Amino acid sequence: MRKYVKYSMIILLLLSVGIAAVCVVYLFLFAPGDSDLSGEWIAELEMTGQAAAMAYGWLKDMEGVSVSLEDVEAHMQDLTVRVNLTMEQTKGPEGIFRCIVLPESYEACNQAAYEAFAVVFRELAAERLRMAGYEGSTEQEAVEALIAETFGMSAVSYLMTCGPALLPSLEMLQAQYNGSGTYETMEGVLIRQFEAEGSEVIREERYIREDSQLVLVEERGAAASGCQYPLLYKLKQERDQENSTEK
């Protein structure tokens, strides 16, 4: 009898633990609050690799000097373009959204990329001058003055005018990320229906919600948009707090 009671208690205990585990999984993965993506989310598109590769492709053809991709990358750090995604839940797992690539962020990133490009360009120009027996100063300021005298513009302006495009165009990024419409979430799938010029484009994305982070990991179904995946969005207030803490 005692043995029977003991086994019964063990079975009840295991059942209780199992039920508790199921409840925890439900609360973390399937609770209604988890499907509410309302808020302003911010993503930063990484541009450092492309900008460095484009600059390197142009610089390596300079006569008489050598440069590596690593040299260029060392000058180009943390080049990002910001994307804002505003989502508002309206009914159950449904809501409306608006996504936009911020033009001011793009311009700032583009300017920073060309300023870094110009630093490497001036260094290589100084090396070329020394090889040619130039006896004047080859400091950055002096080389910049020679470039302005030769081309009638600053090194940054010259590279923007005559050099390669370091970033994808703003229009290209806007075509990939900009849009507004409705959305629905279900079991880790985010379905966004873009409304533009009377046409509807449905983009089905798989996502992972981790507290104040939204990770889009895959695009399925509709025609490929060309967006970068995985794509990490952070809630604006959380990101602002992180930035203020770093400062």
Protein backbone atom coordinates (compact mmCIF):
# COMPACT_ATOMS: atom_id res chain seq x y z
CA MET A 1 0.00 0.00 0.00
CA ARG A 2 2.76 2.39 0.96
CA LYS A 3 4.59 1.54 -2.27
CA TYR A 4 1.44 2.33 -4.27
CA VAL A 5 1.00 5.66 -2.46
CA LYS A 6 4.66 6.51 -3.07
CA TYR A 7 4.40 5.83 -6.81
CA SER A 8 1.16 7.81 -6.97
CA MET A 9 2.82 10.80 -5.34
CA ILE A 10 5.76 10.60 -7.72
CA ILE A 11 3.39 10.46 -10.72
CA LEU A 12 1.41 13.44 -9.41
CA LEU A 13 4.64 15.37 -8.85
CA LEU A 14 5.84 14.66 -12.38
CA LEU A 15 2.47 15.68 -13.78
CA SER A 16 2.59 18.91 -11.80
CA VAL A 17 6.10 19.68 -13.07
CA GLY A 18 5.00 18.88 -16.63
CA ILE A 19 1.97 21.15 -16.40
CA ALA A 20 4.08 23.94 -14.93
CA ALA A 21 6.61 23.58 -17.75
CA VAL A 22 3.84 23.75 -20.35
CA CYS A 23 2.48 26.89 -18.69
CA VAL A 24 5.92 28.54 -18.73
CA VAL A 25 6.41 27.70 -22.41
CA TYR A 26 2.98 29.09 -23.19
CA LEU A 27 3.62 32.30 -21.29
CA PHE A 28 6.95 32.90 -23.03
CA LEU A 29 6.07 31.78 -26.54
CA PHE A 30 2.35 32.00 -27.05
CA ALA A 31 0.99 34.51 -24.58
CA PRO A 32 -1.13 37.21 -26.31
CA GLY A 33 1.20 40.01 -25.20
CA ASP A 34 4.08 38.53 -27.21
CA SER A 35 2.21 39.09 -30.46
CA ASP A 36 1.85 42.81 -29.75
CA LEU A 37 4.62 44.49 -31.73
CA SER A 38 3.33 48.03 -31.15
CA GLY A 39 6.02 50.66 -30.91
CA GLU A 40 8.78 52.36 -32.87
CA TRP A 41 11.50 49.92 -33.89
CA ILE A 42 14.90 50.91 -35.24
CA ALA A 43 17.27 48.91 -37.44
CA GLU A 44 20.73 49.89 -38.64
CA LEU A 45 21.77 48.61 -42.04
CA GLU A 46 25.47 47.72 -42.10
CA MET A 47 27.30 49.54 -44.91
CA THR A 48 30.94 49.27 -43.82
CA GLY A 49 31.80 46.17 -45.85
CA GLN A 50 30.36 47.43 -49.13
CA ALA A 51 31.82 50.92 -48.77
CA ALA A 52 35.29 49.51 -48.04
CA ALA A 53 35.12 47.08 -50.96
CA MET A 54 34.05 49.79 -53.42
CA ALA A 55 36.77 52.19 -52.22
CA TYR A 56 39.42 49.46 -52.36
CA GLY A 57 38.48 48.53 -55.92
CA TRP A 58 39.16 52.11 -56.99
CA LEU A 59 42.25 52.80 -54.86
CA LYS A 60 44.14 49.63 -55.82
CA ASP A 61 44.48 50.94 -59.37
CA MET A 62 46.50 53.96 -58.27
CA GLU A 63 49.86 53.72 -60.04
CA GLY A 64 52.93 52.91 -58.01
CA VAL A 65 51.32 52.37 -54.62
CA SER A 66 49.74 49.40 -52.93
CA VAL A 67 46.79 49.12 -50.57
CA SER A 68 44.86 46.24 -49.04
CA LEU A 69 41.19 45.85 -48.27
CA GLU A 70 42.14 45.62 -44.59
CA ASP A 71 43.84 49.04 -44.83
CA VAL A 72 40.65 50.58 -46.17
CA GLU A 73 38.40 48.80 -43.68
CA ALA A 74 40.56 50.09 -40.82
CA HIS A 75 39.46 53.63 -41.72
CA MET A 76 35.79 52.76 -42.32
CA GLN A 77 34.04 51.74 -39.12
CA ASP A 78 30.41 51.62 -38.01
CA LEU A 79 28.89 52.89 -41.24
CA THR A 80 25.15 52.30 -40.88
CA VAL A 81 21.90 53.60 -42.34
CA ARG A 82 18.92 53.78 -40.02
CA VAL A 83 15.51 52.29 -40.79
CA ASN A 84 12.45 53.18 -38.69
CA LEU A 85 9.58 50.70 -38.40
CA THR A 86 6.47 51.93 -36.57
CA MET A 87 3.89 49.27 -35.71
CA GLU A 88 0.49 49.73 -34.05
CA GLN A 89 -1.68 46.81 -33.04
CA THR A 90 -5.33 47.45 -33.89
CA LYS A 91 -7.14 44.14 -33.32
CA GLY A 92 -5.80 40.91 -31.88
CA PRO A 93 -2.60 40.01 -33.75
CA GLU A 94 -3.35 42.55 -36.51
CA GLY A 95 -2.14 46.09 -36.93
CA ILE A 96 -0.79 48.80 -39.20
CA PHE A 97 2.83 49.67 -39.93
CA ARG A 98 5.02 52.26 -41.58
CA CYS A 99 8.65 51.63 -42.53
CA ILE A 100 11.09 54.25 -43.81
CA VAL A 101 14.80 54.60 -44.52
CA LEU A 102 15.77 57.92 -42.93
CA PRO A 103 17.28 60.17 -45.64
CA GLU A 104 19.28 62.17 -43.07
CA SER A 105 20.83 58.96 -41.76
CA TYR A 106 21.72 57.93 -45.31
CA GLU A 107 23.36 61.29 -46.05
CA ALA A 108 25.36 61.19 -42.81
CA CYS A 109 26.55 57.65 -43.55
CA ASN A 110 27.47 58.55 -47.12
CA GLN A 111 29.41 61.63 -45.95
CA ALA A 112 31.28 59.61 -43.32
CA ALA A 113 32.16 56.94 -45.90
CA TYR A 114 33.68 59.48 -48.32
CA GLU A 115 35.55 61.27 -45.55
CA ALA A 116 37.18 57.96 -44.59
CA PHE A 117 37.80 57.26 -48.29
CA ALA A 118 39.53 60.64 -48.60
CA VAL A 119 41.87 59.86 -45.69
CA VAL A 120 43.17 56.74 -47.44
CA PHE A 121 43.35 58.58 -50.77
CA ARG A 122 45.47 61.34 -49.25
CA GLU A 123 47.78 58.79 -47.62
CA LEU A 124 48.35 57.02 -50.93
CA ALA A 125 48.79 60.34 -52.75
CA ALA A 126 51.43 61.32 -50.17
CA GLU A 127 53.22 58.01 -50.70
CA ARG A 128 53.17 58.56 -54.46
CA LEU A 129 54.60 62.07 -54.03
CA ARG A 130 57.45 60.79 -51.87
CA MET A 131 58.24 58.10 -54.43
CA ALA A 132 58.40 60.77 -57.10
CA GLY A 133 60.94 62.76 -55.07
CA TYR A 134 58.58 65.48 -53.89
CA GLU A 135 60.37 67.53 -51.21
CA GLY A 136 57.43 69.44 -49.82
CA SER A 137 55.25 68.42 -46.88
CA THR A 138 53.19 65.27 -47.31
CA GLU A 139 51.07 65.74 -44.21
CA GLN A 140 47.31 65.33 -44.69
CA GLU A 141 46.66 69.10 -44.72
CA ALA A 142 49.40 69.77 -47.27
CA VAL A 143 48.25 66.95 -49.56
CA GLU A 144 44.67 68.20 -49.26
CA ALA A 145 45.83 71.63 -50.40
CA LEU A 146 47.59 70.08 -53.43
CA ILE A 147 44.45 68.12 -54.32
CA ALA A 148 42.32 71.26 -54.08
CA GLU A 149 44.82 73.12 -56.27
CA THR A 150 44.97 70.30 -58.84
CA PHE A 151 41.27 69.42 -59.11
CA GLY A 152 39.67 72.65 -57.99
CA MET A 153 37.81 70.89 -55.16
CA SER A 154 38.43 69.05 -51.91
CA ALA A 155 39.42 65.39 -51.82
CA VAL A 156 35.96 64.44 -50.55
CA SER A 157 34.24 66.38 -53.34
CA TYR A 158 36.61 64.93 -55.94
CA LEU A 159 35.94 61.36 -54.81
CA MET A 160 32.19 61.96 -54.69
CA THR A 161 32.33 63.35 -58.23
CA CYS A 162 34.89 61.10 -59.90
CA GLY A 163 35.14 58.10 -57.59
CA PRO A 164 32.85 55.11 -57.21
CA ALA A 165 29.48 55.05 -55.46
CA LEU A 166 30.32 53.64 -52.03
CA LEU A 167 26.76 52.91 -50.92
CA PRO A 168 23.65 51.61 -52.65
CA SER A 169 21.55 54.56 -53.75
CA LEU A 170 18.98 55.96 -51.35
CA GLU A 171 16.30 55.14 -53.91
CA MET A 172 17.39 51.49 -53.98
CA LEU A 173 17.22 51.20 -50.19
CA GLN A 174 13.86 52.94 -50.12
CA ALA A 175 12.51 50.49 -52.70
CA GLN A 176 13.62 47.61 -50.46
CA TYR A 177 12.52 48.89 -47.06
CA ASN A 178 10.03 51.74 -47.38
CA GLY A 179 6.33 51.04 -47.21
CA SER A 180 3.17 51.08 -45.16
CA GLY A 181 0.12 48.90 -44.80
CA THR A 182 -1.24 46.23 -42.52
CA TYR A 183 0.37 43.34 -40.69
CA GLU A 184 -0.55 40.16 -38.85
CA THR A 185 1.50 37.98 -36.52
CA MET A 186 1.07 34.28 -35.86
CA GLU A 187 3.43 31.77 -34.26
CA GLY A 188 6.63 33.56 -35.21
CA VAL A 189 5.45 34.67 -38.66
CA LEU A 190 5.03 38.34 -39.50
CA ILE A 191 2.91 38.99 -42.59
CA ARG A 192 3.20 42.53 -43.87
CA GLN A 193 0.95 43.72 -46.68
CA PHE A 194 2.46 46.74 -48.39
CA GLU A 195 0.06 49.19 -49.98
CA ALA A 196 1.52 51.37 -52.72
CA GLU A 197 -0.03 52.97 -55.79
CA GLY A 198 -3.13 50.84 -55.62
CA SER A 199 -1.22 47.56 -55.63
CA GLU A 200 -0.71 45.15 -52.76
CA VAL A 201 2.56 43.33 -52.12
CA ILE A 202 2.54 40.72 -49.38
CA ARG A 203 5.84 40.02 -47.63
CA GLU A 204 5.89 37.07 -45.25
CA GLU A 205 8.75 37.24 -42.76
CA ARG A 206 9.73 34.92 -39.95
CA TYR A 207 10.74 36.71 -36.79
CA ILE A 208 12.06 36.13 -33.30
CA ARG A 209 10.85 38.45 -30.54
CA GLU A 210 13.30 38.79 -27.67
CA ASP A 211 12.07 41.41 -25.21
CA SER A 212 12.96 44.75 -26.82
CA GLN A 213 14.47 43.15 -29.91
CA LEU A 214 12.73 41.98 -33.08
CA VAL A 215 14.83 39.79 -35.35
CA LEU A 216 13.59 39.21 -38.88
CA VAL A 217 15.37 36.05 -39.96
CA GLU A 218 13.79 35.03 -43.24
CA GLU A 219 11.53 36.17 -46.05
CA ARG A 220 9.16 33.73 -47.66
CA GLY A 221 6.29 33.63 -50.09
CA ALA A 222 6.22 36.91 -52.00
CA ALA A 223 8.84 38.03 -54.51
CA ALA A 224 12.22 38.72 -52.91
CA SER A 225 12.62 42.30 -51.75
CA GLY A 226 16.42 42.32 -51.57
CA CYS A 227 16.36 43.19 -47.85
CA GLN A 228 19.20 42.06 -45.61
CA TYR A 229 18.42 39.10 -43.36
CA PRO A 230 18.76 38.61 -40.47
CA LEU A 231 17.63 42.13 -39.68
CA LEU A 232 17.65 43.32 -36.07
CA TYR A 233 15.21 45.97 -34.87
CA LYS A 234 15.32 47.49 -31.39
CA LEU A 235 12.57 49.39 -29.61
CA LYS A 236 13.40 53.08 -29.83
CA GLN A 237 13.25 53.82 -26.09
CA GLU A 238 15.51 50.85 -25.31
CA ARG A 239 18.01 51.91 -27.99
CA ASP A 240 18.00 55.51 -26.73
CA GLN A 241 18.68 54.28 -23.19
CA GLU A 242 21.61 52.18 -24.42
CA ASN A 243 23.06 55.17 -26.30
CA SER A 244 22.72 57.47 -23.29
CA THR A 245 24.41 54.86 -21.07
CA GLU A 246 27.34 54.53 -23.50
CA LYS A 247 27.80 58.30 -23.49
